[in-house]
Protein backbone atom coordinates (compact mmCIF):
# COMPACT_ATOMS: atom_id res chain seq x y z
CA MET A 1 -5.24 -5.37 -20.46
CA LEU A 2 -3.60 -7.11 -17.43
CA SER A 3 -3.81 -10.98 -18.65
CA PHE A 4 -1.34 -12.40 -21.14
CA ASP A 5 -1.28 -15.57 -23.03
CA ILE A 6 1.53 -17.86 -21.62
CA ARG A 7 2.52 -19.45 -24.86
CA THR A 8 3.02 -15.89 -26.84
CA LEU A 9 5.20 -14.56 -23.72
CA GLU A 10 7.42 -17.57 -23.77
CA THR A 11 8.48 -16.46 -27.43
CA LYS A 12 7.84 -12.87 -27.33
CA ALA A 13 7.54 -10.17 -24.32
CA ALA A 14 4.43 -8.24 -24.04
CA GLN A 15 4.15 -4.42 -23.62
CA VAL A 16 1.58 -3.87 -20.34
CA ASP A 17 -0.68 -1.09 -20.71
CA GLY A 18 -3.39 -1.55 -18.16
CA SER A 19 -5.47 -0.46 -15.00
CA VAL A 20 -6.86 -1.83 -12.13
CA GLY A 21 -9.91 -0.12 -10.83
CA PRO A 22 -11.10 0.49 -7.01
CA ASP A 23 -14.02 -1.86 -7.99
CA ASP A 24 -12.28 -4.54 -9.39
CA PRO A 25 -12.89 -8.00 -7.57
CA ILE A 26 -9.11 -8.44 -7.12
CA TRP A 27 -9.47 -6.19 -3.69
CA GLU A 28 -10.02 -7.95 -0.38
CA LYS A 29 -12.03 -6.68 2.56
CA GLY A 30 -9.63 -3.90 4.46
CA ASP A 31 -7.50 -3.55 1.63
CA THR A 32 -6.41 0.18 1.17
CA ARG A 33 -8.04 0.87 -2.34
CA PRO A 34 -7.04 3.72 -4.95
CA THR A 35 -9.66 6.28 -5.38
CA GLU A 36 -9.21 5.84 -9.17
CA PRO A 37 -7.95 3.19 -11.38
CA ILE A 38 -4.05 2.45 -10.86
CA HIS A 39 -2.19 2.64 -14.13
CA VAL A 40 0.05 0.11 -14.93
CA LYS A 41 2.78 -0.11 -17.48
CA GLY A 42 5.86 -1.99 -18.30
CA ARG A 43 7.07 -5.35 -19.77
CA LEU A 44 6.23 -8.87 -19.24
CA SER A 45 9.01 -11.38 -20.43
CA SER A 46 10.10 -14.66 -20.25
CA ALA A 47 12.83 -15.38 -17.65
CA SER A 48 13.07 -19.03 -18.01
CA GLU A 49 10.94 -21.97 -18.68
CA GLY A 50 7.82 -21.39 -16.83
CA ARG A 51 9.12 -18.02 -15.34
CA PHE A 52 7.95 -14.72 -16.16
CA TYR A 53 9.49 -11.40 -15.05
CA PHE A 54 7.81 -7.87 -14.92
CA SER A 55 9.44 -4.55 -14.88
CA GLY A 56 7.26 -1.36 -14.76
CA ARG A 57 5.71 1.23 -13.18
CA LEU A 58 2.33 1.80 -10.94
CA GLU A 59 0.62 5.08 -10.91
CA GLY A 60 -2.15 6.00 -8.69
CA SER A 61 -3.98 7.88 -6.09
CA LEU A 62 -5.82 7.50 -2.94
CA THR A 63 -7.31 9.41 -0.01
CA LEU A 64 -6.22 8.72 3.69
CA PRO A 65 -7.03 10.43 7.04
CA CYS A 66 -4.33 12.82 8.30
CA ARG A 67 -2.65 10.82 11.26
CA LEU A 68 -3.31 13.82 13.72
CA CYS A 69 -6.43 15.59 12.75
CA LEU A 70 -8.14 13.00 10.69
CA GLU A 71 -8.95 15.49 7.84
CA GLU A 72 -8.57 13.52 4.37
CA VAL A 73 -5.36 13.91 2.64
CA GLU A 74 -5.20 12.89 -1.52
CA VAL A 75 -1.76 10.83 -2.07
CA ASP A 76 -0.49 10.04 -5.02
CA VAL A 77 1.66 6.94 -5.59
CA ASP A 78 4.33 6.43 -8.25
CA GLU A 79 6.35 3.25 -7.76
CA GLU A 80 8.71 1.36 -9.74
CA ALA A 81 7.40 -2.32 -9.98
CA HIS A 82 9.46 -5.47 -10.46
CA PHE A 83 8.49 -9.25 -9.98
CA LEU A 84 8.99 -12.70 -10.97
CA LEU A 85 5.98 -14.81 -11.61
CA ALA A 86 6.42 -18.69 -11.42
CA GLY A 87 4.60 -21.62 -11.80
CA ILE A 88 2.68 -23.54 -8.50
CA GLY A 89 5.17 -25.89 -7.81
CA ALA A 90 8.32 -24.39 -8.89
CA GLU A 91 11.72 -24.22 -7.00
CA GLU A 92 10.70 -20.37 -5.94
CA ALA A 93 7.21 -21.31 -4.67
CA ASP A 94 8.35 -20.65 -1.13
CA ASP A 95 9.72 -17.22 -1.97
CA PRO A 96 7.46 -14.58 -0.91
CA GLU A 97 8.94 -11.95 -3.50
CA VAL A 98 7.56 -14.86 -6.21
CA PHE A 99 3.95 -14.63 -7.39
CA LEU A 100 2.89 -17.97 -8.42
CA TYR A 101 0.28 -18.86 -11.20
CA ASP A 102 -1.24 -22.11 -12.32
CA PRO A 103 1.12 -23.62 -14.98
CA ASN A 104 -1.70 -25.35 -16.48
CA ALA A 105 -3.61 -22.37 -17.23
CA ARG A 106 -3.43 -20.68 -20.54
CA MET A 107 -3.22 -17.03 -19.39
CA ILE A 108 -1.28 -15.18 -16.48
CA ASP A 109 -3.31 -12.42 -14.49
CA LEU A 110 -0.79 -9.54 -13.35
CA ARG A 111 -3.53 -8.21 -10.96
CA PRO A 112 -2.62 -10.19 -7.77
CA ALA A 113 0.97 -9.10 -7.90
CA ILE A 114 -0.33 -5.54 -8.79
CA ARG A 115 -2.61 -5.61 -5.70
CA GLU A 116 0.35 -6.80 -3.46
CA THR A 117 2.62 -4.19 -5.13
CA TRP A 118 0.08 -1.59 -4.46
CA LEU A 119 -0.62 -2.24 -0.99
CA LEU A 120 3.49 -2.32 0.03
CA ALA A 121 3.66 1.03 -2.06
CA VAL A 122 0.89 2.93 -0.03
CA PRO A 123 1.82 4.88 3.07
CA MET A 124 0.44 3.45 6.33
CA TYR A 125 0.26 7.26 7.82
CA VAL A 126 0.03 10.43 6.00
CA GLN A 127 -0.03 13.85 7.68
CA CYS A 128 -1.93 17.04 6.13
CA SER A 129 0.99 19.18 6.67
CA GLU A 130 4.08 19.45 8.64
CA ASP A 131 2.56 22.04 11.09
CA CYS A 132 -0.59 20.22 11.76
CA LYS A 133 -2.10 20.78 15.33
CA GLY A 134 -4.10 17.43 15.42
CA LEU A 135 -7.10 17.32 17.83
CA CYS A 136 -7.78 18.28 21.12
CA PRO A 137 -7.29 15.20 23.31
CA THR A 138 -9.92 16.30 25.79
CA CYS A 139 -12.75 17.80 23.48
CA GLY A 140 -11.59 16.67 20.01
CA THR A 141 -11.67 20.24 18.32
CA ASN A 142 -9.62 20.24 15.21
CA LEU A 143 -6.97 22.64 16.38
CA ASN A 144 -5.99 23.95 12.84
CA GLU A 145 -9.41 25.46 12.44
CA SER A 146 -9.88 26.50 15.94
CA THR A 147 -8.91 26.72 19.62
CA CYS A 148 -10.77 25.51 22.57
CA ASN A 149 -10.99 26.22 26.36
CA CYS A 150 -9.72 22.90 27.54
CA SER A 151 -6.87 22.75 29.77
CA ILE A 152 -4.61 20.42 29.00
CA SER A 153 -2.28 19.04 31.88
CA LYS A 154 1.10 18.56 31.11
CA SER A 155 1.56 15.26 33.19
CA ASP A 156 -0.51 12.49 33.47
CA PRO A 157 -1.77 11.87 37.01
CA ARG A 158 -1.21 8.30 36.63
CA TRP A 159 2.50 8.65 37.19
CA ASP A 160 2.25 10.74 40.42
CA ALA A 161 2.88 7.43 42.52
CA LEU A 162 6.15 6.86 40.51
CA ARG A 163 7.09 10.63 40.59
CA LYS A 164 6.81 10.32 44.68
CA HIS A 165 8.66 7.19 44.76
CA GLN A 166 11.58 8.62 42.32
CA SER A 167 11.76 12.13 44.43
CA LYS A 168 12.33 9.84 47.56
CA THR A 169 14.99 8.14 45.88
CA HIS A 170 17.05 10.73 44.67
């Protein structure tokens, strides 16, 4: 469960133990979604009037392409999460570290904050192994699986004019 009654939270902290699935409507087009539900565990408590503090963990996994050979890589994410929630119009409303909620609502939904915390926690790039050879830039062969007969030029001919100019000045 990731929605909590504001009135209850003002008097007593709540234990958070829930999940956000890859098909949850909170995700937007282009988001790096988990492959299975993200497990969220922690504590949500009152920080002061109209402000609440979450402290806990997010655990999940996702599949990303290797940055060199494009093979899929399973990535585990296990991240501490700490954030403040404040009502819209509060002093902290301009702080990007604070998540806002409708102060007239009866419930606080943690899913928007979980989504953003997840997106910041997932790596932008992964590599399948330290010694990944990548793809041939000419024919696209995965060089981890086989070799190709392409001759890979060590220098780009577009730089020849600069090399000629540089050799004349030295």
